[in-house]
Amino acid sequence: MIDDVAAPAKCGTDSVLVHNFIRTKIKCNKLQFGPTKCHILHIGKNECQTPDLIVENEKMSIKENVKYLGDIISKCGTIIKTIESRSKKAVGKISQIMSMIKDLSLGKHFFAMAVLLRNLLFLNSVLVNSEVWFPLKENDLKGIEAADELLLRRILNAPASTNIALLYLELGCIPLA
C-alpha cells in the first residue's frame, strides 16, 4: 500500500487531471490506494471549488492539516504545527535520554555519552527534514531550543538560573539557532 504521495495542482481541471494520472499509474502498477490516505488540502487564502475526487468509490475528504513524510502541512501554508509536534516529541526524547544515562554506569565517559545521545537521539528526531521548513521566523524554533536547553541543564544537573551560553560551552555543543 502506498503511504505518502503528494500531488500539488491548481483547483479545478488541473486537480482532476493530476488525480486521474495518479489513479492510472497506481492501477497500471497494481498498487493499492486506500481512501483513508487520500485527502484534499487547499493551501492559501483563496477558497476554490474542486470537483469531487473519488478513490475506491469514496469521495476524498477535505482536511485542514495533513501529515506528509513526518511534517504537518497546513491550509495556511505555515510550519507551525510541525514545530509544535516536534517540540512535544523533544520532551519525550529528553526523558528517554536521561533514563538511558541514569541506567548505565558510564564513569568518566558520562558527559561524552550524554552529548552523543543528544546528537543521535534528540537532534536527529527533532530536526529531521528541517531543511525544508520555509519560511522560518526568528521565534518559530523557541520551543525546540527550550527543550534542548532543558536537556543540557538535566545532563549537567544545573539550576534554571545557569547562563545558557555556559551550558553549551561546558558540553562543547552548538546551539540550534
C-alpha atoms as a PDB file:
ATOM      1  CA  MET A   1       0.000   0.000   0.000  1.00  0.00           C
ATOM      2  CA  ILE A   2       1.271   3.460  -0.800  1.00  0.00           C
ATOM      3  CA  ASP A   3       1.662   5.628   2.274  1.00  0.00           C
ATOM      4  CA  ASP A   4       2.816   9.028   1.068  1.00  0.00           C
ATOM      5  CA  VAL A   5       2.060  10.598  -2.298  1.00  0.00           C
ATOM      6  CA  ALA A   6       1.697  14.335  -2.783  1.00  0.00           C
ATOM      7  CA  ALA A   7       0.387  15.829  -5.977  1.00  0.00           C
ATOM      8  CA  PRO A   8       0.035  19.601  -5.911  1.00  0.00           C
ATOM      9  CA  ALA A   9      -2.286  21.049  -8.538  1.00  0.00           C
ATOM     10  CA  LYS A  10      -4.415  24.117  -9.068  1.00  0.00           C
ATOM     11  CA  CYS A  11      -8.074  23.756  -8.182  1.00  0.00           C
ATOM     12  CA  GLY A  12     -10.405  22.749 -10.974  1.00  0.00           C
ATOM     13  CA  THR A  13      -9.498  20.791 -14.073  1.00  0.00           C
ATOM     14  CA  ASP A  14      -5.787  20.601 -13.149  1.00  0.00           C
ATOM     15  CA  SER A  15      -6.604  18.720  -9.960  1.00  0.00           C
ATOM     16  CA  VAL A  16      -8.831  16.291 -11.876  1.00  0.00           C
ATOM     17  CA  LEU A  17      -6.075  15.651 -14.453  1.00  0.00           C
ATOM     18  CA  VAL A  18      -3.450  15.007 -11.757  1.00  0.00           C
ATOM     19  CA  HIS A  19      -5.849  12.775  -9.823  1.00  0.00           C
ATOM     20  CA  ASN A  20      -6.629  10.695 -12.923  1.00  0.00           C
ATOM     21  CA  PHE A  21      -2.931  10.396 -13.776  1.00  0.00           C
ATOM     22  CA  ILE A  22      -2.130   9.061 -10.296  1.00  0.00           C
ATOM     23  CA  ARG A  23      -5.066   6.622 -10.407  1.00  0.00           C
ATOM     24  CA  THR A  24      -3.871   5.334 -13.796  1.00  0.00           C
ATOM     25  CA  LYS A  25      -0.292   4.839 -12.608  1.00  0.00           C
ATOM     26  CA  ILE A  26      -1.495   3.010  -9.496  1.00  0.00           C
ATOM     27  CA  LYS A  27      -3.718   0.659 -11.484  1.00  0.00           C
ATOM     28  CA  CYS A  28      -1.003   0.006 -14.098  1.00  0.00           C
ATOM     29  CA  ASN A  29       1.441  -0.969 -11.369  1.00  0.00           C
ATOM     30  CA  LYS A  30      -1.217  -2.989  -9.491  1.00  0.00           C
ATOM     31  CA  LEU A  31      -0.782  -0.971  -6.296  1.00  0.00           C
ATOM     32  CA  GLN A  32      -3.331  -0.374  -3.574  1.00  0.00           C
ATOM     33  CA  PHE A  33      -4.501   3.115  -2.751  1.00  0.00           C
ATOM     34  CA  GLY A  34      -6.731   3.465   0.308  1.00  0.00           C
ATOM     35  CA  PRO A  35      -9.357   6.191   0.810  1.00  0.00           C
ATOM     36  CA  THR A  36      -8.139   6.799   4.371  1.00  0.00           C
ATOM     37  CA  LYS A  37      -4.817   8.029   2.988  1.00  0.00           C
ATOM     38  CA  CYS A  38      -6.258  10.351   0.322  1.00  0.00           C
ATOM     39  CA  HIS A  39      -7.230  13.906   1.208  1.00  0.00           C
ATOM     40  CA  ILE A  40      -7.755  17.258  -0.436  1.00  0.00           C
ATOM     41  CA  LEU A  41      -5.821  20.149   1.103  1.00  0.00           C
ATOM     42  CA  HIS A  42      -6.366  23.696  -0.139  1.00  0.00           C
ATOM     43  CA  ILE A  43      -3.301  25.818   0.575  1.00  0.00           C
ATOM     44  CA  GLY A  44      -3.648  29.573   0.581  1.00  0.00           C
ATOM     45  CA  LYS A  45      -6.205  32.233   1.378  1.00  0.00           C
ATOM     46  CA  ASN A  46      -8.416  31.757  -1.663  1.00  0.00           C
ATOM     47  CA  GLU A  47     -11.232  29.274  -1.327  1.00  0.00           C
ATOM     48  CA  CYS A  48     -11.946  27.417  -4.528  1.00  0.00           C
ATOM     49  CA  GLN A  49     -14.224  24.672  -5.666  1.00  0.00           C
ATOM     50  CA  THR A  50     -12.583  21.382  -6.518  1.00  0.00           C
ATOM     51  CA  PRO A  51     -14.657  18.775  -8.310  1.00  0.00           C
ATOM     52  CA  ASP A  52     -15.378  15.634  -6.334  1.00  0.00           C
ATOM     53  CA  LEU A  53     -12.363  13.330  -6.495  1.00  0.00           C
ATOM     54  CA  ILE A  54     -13.091   9.640  -5.975  1.00  0.00           C
ATOM     55  CA  VAL A  55     -10.801   6.948  -4.537  1.00  0.00           C
ATOM     56  CA  GLU A  56     -12.106   3.369  -4.451  1.00  0.00           C
ATOM     57  CA  ASN A  57     -15.724   4.537  -4.787  1.00  0.00           C
ATOM     58  CA  GLU A  58     -15.421   7.028  -1.908  1.00  0.00           C
ATOM     59  CA  LYS A  59     -15.241  10.806  -2.099  1.00  0.00           C
ATOM     60  CA  MET A  60     -11.942  12.283  -0.918  1.00  0.00           C
ATOM     61  CA  SER A  61     -12.239  14.312   2.282  1.00  0.00           C
ATOM     62  CA  ILE A  62     -11.083  17.918   2.662  1.00  0.00           C
ATOM     63  CA  LYS A  63      -8.592  18.415   5.503  1.00  0.00           C
ATOM     64  CA  GLU A  64      -7.156  21.461   7.305  1.00  0.00           C
ATOM     65  CA  ASN A  65      -3.841  19.704   8.095  1.00  0.00           C
ATOM     66  CA  VAL A  66      -2.213  16.640   6.559  1.00  0.00           C
ATOM     67  CA  LYS A  67       0.826  14.763   7.827  1.00  0.00           C
ATOM     68  CA  TYR A  68       3.240  14.077   4.974  1.00  0.00           C
ATOM     69  CA  LEU A  69       6.664  12.478   5.454  1.00  0.00           C
ATOM     70  CA  GLY A  70       6.705  13.452   9.139  1.00  0.00           C
ATOM     71  CA  ASP A  71       5.799  17.100   8.593  1.00  0.00           C
ATOM     72  CA  ILE A  72       2.352  18.598   9.043  1.00  0.00           C
ATOM     73  CA  ILE A  73       1.247  20.606   6.035  1.00  0.00           C
ATOM     74  CA  SER A  74      -1.452  23.101   6.969  1.00  0.00           C
ATOM     75  CA  LYS A  75      -4.032  25.018   4.998  1.00  0.00           C
ATOM     76  CA  CYS A  76      -2.350  28.352   5.715  1.00  0.00           C
ATOM     77  CA  GLY A  77       0.996  27.094   4.377  1.00  0.00           C
ATOM     78  CA  THR A  78       2.968  27.563   7.612  1.00  0.00           C
ATOM     79  CA  ILE A  79       5.050  25.023   9.510  1.00  0.00           C
ATOM     80  CA  ILE A  80       3.831  25.984  12.978  1.00  0.00           C
ATOM     81  CA  LYS A  81       2.012  22.653  13.506  1.00  0.00           C
ATOM     82  CA  THR A  82       5.151  20.719  12.565  1.00  0.00           C
ATOM     83  CA  ILE A  83       7.277  22.670  15.022  1.00  0.00           C
ATOM     84  CA  GLU A  84       4.686  22.229  17.798  1.00  0.00           C
ATOM     85  CA  SER A  85       4.670  18.495  17.122  1.00  0.00           C
ATOM     86  CA  ARG A  86       8.471  18.332  17.214  1.00  0.00           C
ATOM     87  CA  SER A  87       8.575  20.329  20.480  1.00  0.00           C
ATOM     88  CA  LYS A  88       6.305  17.744  22.100  1.00  0.00           C
ATOM     89  CA  LYS A  89       8.445  14.946  20.700  1.00  0.00           C
ATOM     90  CA  ALA A  90      11.526  16.646  22.161  1.00  0.00           C
ATOM     91  CA  VAL A  91      10.174  16.307  25.704  1.00  0.00           C
ATOM     92  CA  GLY A  92       9.801  12.557  25.232  1.00  0.00           C
ATOM     93  CA  LYS A  93      13.330  12.277  23.862  1.00  0.00           C
ATOM     94  CA  ILE A  94      14.689  14.127  26.911  1.00  0.00           C
ATOM     95  CA  SER A  95      13.073  11.542  29.190  1.00  0.00           C
ATOM     96  CA  GLN A  96      14.436   8.696  27.074  1.00  0.00           C
ATOM     97  CA  ILE A  97      17.988  10.083  27.088  1.00  0.00           C
ATOM     98  CA  MET A  98      18.001  10.822  30.816  1.00  0.00           C
ATOM     99  CA  SER A  99      16.716   7.357  31.644  1.00  0.00           C
ATOM    100  CA  MET A 100      19.404   5.756  29.452  1.00  0.00           C
ATOM    101  CA  ILE A 101      22.152   7.821  31.080  1.00  0.00           C
ATOM    102  CA  LYS A 102      20.966   7.050  34.612  1.00  0.00           C
ATOM    103  CA  ASP A 103      20.625   3.315  33.940  1.00  0.00           C
ATOM    104  CA  LEU A 104      24.165   2.953  32.618  1.00  0.00           C
ATOM    105  CA  SER A 105      27.328   3.176  34.672  1.00  0.00           C
ATOM    106  CA  LEU A 106      29.437   5.395  32.431  1.00  0.00           C
ATOM    107  CA  GLY A 107      32.023   6.746  34.874  1.00  0.00           C
ATOM    108  CA  LYS A 108      34.330   9.329  33.281  1.00  0.00           C
ATOM    109  CA  HIS A 109      32.511   8.920  29.945  1.00  0.00           C
ATOM    110  CA  PHE A 110      29.201  10.228  31.315  1.00  0.00           C
ATOM    111  CA  PHE A 111      29.282  13.635  29.650  1.00  0.00           C
ATOM    112  CA  ALA A 112      30.707  12.369  26.351  1.00  0.00           C
ATOM    113  CA  MET A 113      27.933   9.783  26.120  1.00  0.00           C
ATOM    114  CA  ALA A 114      25.291  12.335  27.109  1.00  0.00           C
ATOM    115  CA  VAL A 115      26.386  14.662  24.276  1.00  0.00           C
ATOM    116  CA  LEU A 116      26.482  11.712  21.875  1.00  0.00           C
ATOM    117  CA  LEU A 117      22.932  10.716  22.847  1.00  0.00           C
ATOM    118  CA  ARG A 118      21.818  14.340  22.422  1.00  0.00           C
ATOM    119  CA  ASN A 119      23.214  14.384  18.902  1.00  0.00           C
ATOM    120  CA  LEU A 120      21.948  10.930  17.932  1.00  0.00           C
ATOM    121  CA  LEU A 121      18.528  10.752  19.559  1.00  0.00           C
ATOM    122  CA  PHE A 122      17.418  14.284  20.305  1.00  0.00           C
ATOM    123  CA  LEU A 123      18.677  16.310  17.341  1.00  0.00           C
ATOM    124  CA  ASN A 124      18.051  13.620  14.736  1.00  0.00           C
ATOM    125  CA  SER A 125      14.450  13.037  15.779  1.00  0.00           C
ATOM    126  CA  VAL A 126      13.530  16.680  16.360  1.00  0.00           C
ATOM    127  CA  LEU A 127      15.281  18.309  13.398  1.00  0.00           C
ATOM    128  CA  VAL A 128      14.618  15.649  10.766  1.00  0.00           C
ATOM    129  CA  ASN A 129      13.540  17.261   7.480  1.00  0.00           C
ATOM    130  CA  SER A 130      14.119  20.760   8.915  1.00  0.00           C
ATOM    131  CA  GLU A 131      15.983  21.860   5.790  1.00  0.00           C
ATOM    132  CA  VAL A 132      12.619  22.234   4.021  1.00  0.00           C
ATOM    133  CA  TRP A 133      10.941  24.275   6.741  1.00  0.00           C
ATOM    134  CA  PHE A 134      10.269  27.538   4.996  1.00  0.00           C
ATOM    135  CA  PRO A 135       9.642  30.333   5.810  1.00  0.00           C
ATOM    136  CA  LEU A 136      11.084  30.297   9.328  1.00  0.00           C
ATOM    137  CA  LYS A 137      10.674  33.258  11.627  1.00  0.00           C
ATOM    138  CA  GLU A 138      13.037  34.068  14.465  1.00  0.00           C
ATOM    139  CA  ASN A 139      10.621  32.880  17.176  1.00  0.00           C
ATOM    140  CA  ASP A 140       9.494  29.669  15.448  1.00  0.00           C
ATOM    141  CA  LEU A 141      12.164  27.428  16.983  1.00  0.00           C
ATOM    142  CA  LYS A 142      11.842  28.747  20.556  1.00  0.00           C
ATOM    143  CA  GLY A 143      10.072  25.583  21.773  1.00  0.00           C
ATOM    144  CA  ILE A 144      12.712  23.251  20.336  1.00  0.00           C
ATOM    145  CA  GLU A 145      15.536  25.476  21.630  1.00  0.00           C
ATOM    146  CA  ALA A 146      13.964  25.479  25.109  1.00  0.00           C
ATOM    147  CA  ALA A 147      13.807  21.685  25.070  1.00  0.00           C
ATOM    148  CA  ASP A 148      17.470  21.493  24.035  1.00  0.00           C
ATOM    149  CA  GLU A 149      18.427  23.829  26.872  1.00  0.00           C
ATOM    150  CA  LEU A 150      16.384  21.731  29.304  1.00  0.00           C
ATOM    151  CA  LEU A 151      18.254  18.621  28.180  1.00  0.00           C
ATOM    152  CA  LEU A 152      21.626  20.313  28.728  1.00  0.00           C
ATOM    153  CA  ARG A 153      20.539  21.513  32.184  1.00  0.00           C
ATOM    154  CA  ARG A 154      19.488  17.987  33.128  1.00  0.00           C
ATOM    155  CA  ILE A 155      22.742  16.485  31.853  1.00  0.00           C
ATOM    156  CA  LEU A 156      24.786  18.946  33.925  1.00  0.00           C
ATOM    157  CA  ASN A 157      22.283  18.953  36.814  1.00  0.00           C
ATOM    158  CA  ALA A 158      22.374  22.754  36.569  1.00  0.00           C
ATOM    159  CA  PRO A 159      19.764  25.122  38.024  1.00  0.00           C
ATOM    160  CA  ALA A 160      17.474  27.194  35.818  1.00  0.00           C
ATOM    161  CA  SER A 161      19.493  30.314  36.648  1.00  0.00           C
ATOM    162  CA  THR A 162      22.606  28.985  34.876  1.00  0.00           C
ATOM    163  CA  ASN A 163      23.580  31.027  31.826  1.00  0.00           C
ATOM    164  CA  ILE A 164      22.631  29.248  28.593  1.00  0.00           C
ATOM    165  CA  ALA A 165      25.948  30.045  26.908  1.00  0.00           C
ATOM    166  CA  LEU A 166      27.800  28.297  29.739  1.00  0.00           C
ATOM    167  CA  LEU A 167      25.754  25.119  29.220  1.00  0.00           C
ATOM    168  CA  TYR A 168      26.769  24.935  25.576  1.00  0.00           C
ATOM    169  CA  LEU A 169      30.394  25.810  26.314  1.00  0.00           C
ATOM    170  CA  GLU A 170      30.742  23.268  29.107  1.00  0.00           C
ATOM    171  CA  LEU A 171      29.498  20.401  26.962  1.00  0.00           C
ATOM    172  CA  GLY A 172      31.026  21.612  23.691  1.00  0.00           C
ATOM    173  CA  CYS A 173      27.664  21.702  21.934  1.00  0.00           C
ATOM    174  CA  ILE A 174      26.434  24.093  19.284  1.00  0.00           C
ATOM    175  CA  PRO A 175      23.113  25.925  19.823  1.00  0.00           C
ATOM    176  CA  LEU A 176      20.303  25.082  17.410  1.00  0.00           C
ATOM    177  CA  ALA A 177      19.839  28.638  16.167  1.00  0.00           C
END
